[in-house]
Amino acid sequence: MVRYVLRWDVAYGHFGEVVQNVEAMNAIRRDRGWSEWVPWAPLSGKANQIVLICDGPDVATILAETDAGYADAEFMEAWKKAVEHSVEGTRWTEFLAAAPQLS
């Protein structure tokens, strides 16, 4: 299993709109059979940041779903609304994998 993490700073006063648009994206993702994003907000550290977490079986599956989203007009409309209030230059992505047992 891998975890895909996407985060960005949200322009002040627009956090609720971003979460609503993530929910709209998830409705489309659900309809397409894609993994859904779980929105999080840090309790410490940088304020007004959204963190989206998506778990998948492997990197290839997550990338295939990402590519399918880029090719899907309905999804891209929802995506553009979700990132409309992102602060330029703050988007960050990472893939995480479970650490192996080393004991």
Protein backbone atom coordinates (compact mmCIF):
# COMPACT_ATOMS: atom_id res chain seq x y z
CA MET A 1 0.00 0.00 0.00
CA VAL A 2 1.08 3.57 -0.68
CA ARG A 3 -0.20 6.89 0.57
CA TYR A 4 -0.36 9.90 -1.72
CA VAL A 5 -0.27 13.21 0.14
CA LEU A 6 -1.09 16.54 -1.48
CA ARG A 7 -1.01 19.80 0.46
CA TRP A 8 -1.26 23.49 -0.20
CA ASP A 9 -1.89 26.77 1.58
CA VAL A 10 -5.41 28.13 1.19
CA ALA A 11 -6.05 31.86 0.77
CA TYR A 12 -7.49 33.20 4.01
CA GLY A 13 -11.29 32.97 4.21
CA HIS A 14 -11.67 30.24 1.57
CA PHE A 15 -10.96 27.02 3.48
CA GLY A 16 -14.62 25.98 3.61
CA GLU A 17 -14.99 26.40 -0.15
CA VAL A 18 -11.94 24.22 -0.76
CA VAL A 19 -13.32 21.44 1.46
CA GLN A 20 -16.69 21.60 -0.34
CA ASN A 21 -14.92 21.31 -3.68
CA VAL A 22 -12.86 18.36 -2.43
CA GLU A 23 -16.17 16.70 -1.52
CA ALA A 24 -17.40 17.37 -5.07
CA MET A 25 -14.20 15.83 -6.45
CA ASN A 26 -14.71 12.80 -4.22
CA ALA A 27 -18.25 12.30 -5.54
CA ILE A 28 -16.79 12.10 -9.05
CA ARG A 29 -13.94 9.85 -7.89
CA ARG A 30 -16.49 7.55 -6.21
CA ASP A 31 -18.56 7.37 -9.42
CA ARG A 32 -15.42 6.46 -11.41
CA GLY A 33 -14.25 3.83 -8.90
CA TRP A 34 -11.14 5.85 -8.01
CA SER A 35 -9.61 6.23 -4.55
CA GLU A 36 -11.02 9.15 -2.59
CA TRP A 37 -9.16 12.01 -0.94
CA VAL A 38 -9.50 12.50 2.81
CA PRO A 39 -9.10 16.19 3.69
CA TRP A 40 -7.09 17.06 6.81
CA ALA A 41 -6.07 20.32 8.45
CA PRO A 42 -2.92 20.58 10.58
CA LEU A 43 -3.49 21.29 14.27
CA SER A 44 0.01 22.73 14.55
CA GLY A 45 2.51 24.21 12.17
CA LYS A 46 1.39 26.20 9.17
CA ALA A 47 -2.11 27.68 9.40
CA ASN A 48 -4.73 27.57 6.64
CA GLN A 49 -3.24 24.55 4.94
CA ILE A 50 -5.22 21.65 3.52
CA VAL A 51 -3.75 18.17 3.37
CA LEU A 52 -5.39 15.59 1.10
CA ILE A 53 -4.53 11.95 1.71
CA CYS A 54 -5.33 9.12 -0.68
CA ASP A 55 -4.40 5.50 -0.04
CA GLY A 56 -3.92 3.05 -2.89
CA PRO A 57 -2.52 -0.41 -3.51
CA ASP A 58 0.56 0.88 -5.38
CA VAL A 59 2.07 3.91 -7.09
CA ALA A 60 1.00 2.73 -10.55
CA THR A 61 -2.68 2.66 -9.54
CA ILE A 62 -2.53 6.16 -8.04
CA LEU A 63 -0.76 7.50 -11.14
CA ALA A 64 -3.29 5.82 -13.45
CA GLU A 65 -6.16 7.42 -11.50
CA THR A 66 -4.37 10.79 -11.64
CA ASP A 67 -3.93 10.51 -15.40
CA ALA A 68 -7.59 9.50 -15.81
CA GLY A 69 -8.60 12.55 -13.75
CA TYR A 70 -6.57 14.87 -16.00
CA ALA A 71 -8.43 13.44 -19.00
CA ASP A 72 -11.88 13.77 -17.37
CA ALA A 73 -13.57 17.14 -18.04
CA GLU A 74 -16.01 16.86 -15.12
CA PHE A 75 -13.26 15.98 -12.68
CA MET A 76 -10.98 18.76 -13.94
CA GLU A 77 -13.75 21.33 -13.47
CA ALA A 78 -14.08 20.25 -9.82
CA TRP A 79 -10.28 20.17 -9.41
CA LYS A 80 -9.92 23.72 -10.72
CA LYS A 81 -12.52 24.92 -8.22
CA ALA A 82 -10.70 23.11 -5.40
CA VAL A 83 -7.34 24.74 -6.16
CA GLU A 84 -8.75 28.13 -7.17
CA HIS A 85 -7.86 29.58 -3.77
CA SER A 86 -4.52 27.86 -3.36
CA VAL A 87 -1.58 30.12 -2.63
CA GLU A 88 0.74 30.01 -5.63
CA GLY A 89 3.92 28.06 -5.06
CA THR A 90 2.69 26.16 -2.00
CA ARG A 91 1.44 22.90 -3.53
CA TRP A 92 3.43 19.90 -2.36
CA THR A 93 3.01 16.21 -3.15
CA GLU A 94 4.61 13.08 -1.78
CA PHE A 95 4.23 9.32 -1.88
CA LEU A 96 4.68 7.34 1.32
CA ALA A 97 5.08 3.60 1.75
CA ALA A 98 4.87 1.59 4.94
CA ALA A 99 8.30 1.28 6.49
CA PRO A 100 9.68 -2.25 6.59
CA GLN A 101 10.00 -4.01 9.91
CA LEU A 102 13.68 -3.72 10.80
CA SER A 103 13.76 -5.56 14.11
